[in-house]
Amino acid sequence: MPRWRNDADAPGLVLASAVDPAWQRLLHLLNVAPSGVAFTLAHRGEPLLAGRRIRVDGRTGLMLPVGVRLTLT
């Protein structure tokens, strides 16, 4: 089973993630297609963002923080 799964309604979505030693992760979502794509994400079978759909317009991208802790001073 892949770590990350999506149910994109069209081809063109590319997923990549980067993680630091504390397991804080940035998830990179790139849509290389000319039109937008909508999808949900799951990590190891668990829905991300409570199963809400995400939309990435054509030839654009997003970076989502996953498990990133903020220190406010």
Protein backbone atom coordinates (compact mmCIF):
# COMPACT_ATOMS: atom_id res chain seq x y z
CA MET A 1 0.00 0.00 0.00
CA PRO A 2 1.41 3.43 -0.91
CA ARG A 3 1.97 5.81 1.99
CA TRP A 4 0.05 8.59 0.26
CA ARG A 5 -3.14 7.98 -1.71
CA ASN A 6 -5.35 10.38 -3.60
CA ASP A 7 -8.57 10.04 -5.54
CA ALA A 8 -7.90 12.76 -8.12
CA ASP A 9 -10.66 13.19 -10.68
CA ALA A 10 -8.14 13.72 -13.52
CA PRO A 11 -4.49 12.84 -14.24
CA GLY A 12 -1.60 15.22 -13.60
CA LEU A 13 -1.25 15.33 -9.80
CA VAL A 14 2.27 14.76 -8.47
CA LEU A 15 2.85 14.19 -4.73
CA ALA A 16 6.17 14.43 -2.92
CA SER A 17 6.99 14.88 0.74
CA ALA A 18 9.97 16.02 2.75
CA VAL A 19 10.42 15.16 6.41
CA ASP A 20 12.84 16.36 9.09
CA PRO A 21 14.30 14.30 11.98
CA ALA A 22 11.34 15.29 14.23
CA TRP A 23 8.87 13.84 11.65
CA GLN A 24 7.55 17.24 10.68
CA ARG A 25 6.60 17.01 7.02
CA LEU A 26 5.88 19.26 4.05
CA LEU A 27 3.66 17.68 1.43
CA HIS A 28 4.23 19.08 -2.07
CA LEU A 29 1.24 18.86 -4.41
CA LEU A 30 1.91 19.76 -8.04
CA ASN A 31 -0.67 19.73 -10.80
CA VAL A 32 1.20 19.47 -14.10
CA ALA A 33 -2.02 19.27 -16.14
CA PRO A 34 -3.46 22.36 -17.84
CA SER A 35 -6.78 22.09 -15.96
CA GLY A 36 -7.60 21.95 -12.25
CA VAL A 37 -7.89 18.75 -10.26
CA ALA A 38 -9.90 17.98 -7.10
CA PHE A 39 -9.06 15.16 -4.70
CA THR A 40 -8.88 13.87 -1.14
CA LEU A 41 -5.68 12.62 0.47
CA ALA A 42 -4.94 9.76 2.84
CA HIS A 43 -1.69 8.87 4.58
CA ARG A 44 -1.34 5.15 5.30
CA GLY A 45 -5.10 4.79 5.06
CA GLU A 46 -5.94 7.73 7.35
CA PRO A 47 -7.74 10.68 5.71
CA LEU A 48 -5.91 13.99 5.73
CA LEU A 49 -7.87 17.17 6.51
CA ALA A 50 -10.82 15.10 7.76
CA GLY A 51 -11.43 13.86 4.21
CA ARG A 52 -12.12 17.32 2.77
CA ARG A 53 -11.53 17.77 -0.95
CA ILE A 54 -8.58 19.86 -2.08
CA ARG A 55 -8.42 21.62 -5.43
CA VAL A 56 -5.22 22.57 -7.24
CA ASP A 57 -5.60 24.69 -10.36
CA GLY A 58 -3.84 23.73 -13.57
CA ARG A 59 -0.04 24.08 -13.64
CA THR A 60 0.11 25.25 -10.02
CA GLY A 61 1.01 23.68 -6.70
CA LEU A 62 0.60 23.72 -2.94
CA MET A 63 2.79 22.89 0.03
CA LEU A 64 0.88 21.54 3.04
CA PRO A 65 2.42 21.23 6.50
CA VAL A 66 1.74 17.84 8.11
CA GLY A 67 2.59 17.47 11.79
CA VAL A 68 4.50 20.77 11.85
CA ARG A 69 4.70 22.30 15.30
CA LEU A 70 4.85 26.07 15.73
CA THR A 71 6.58 27.79 18.61
CA LEU A 72 4.96 31.12 19.32
CA THR A 73 6.89 33.61 21.40
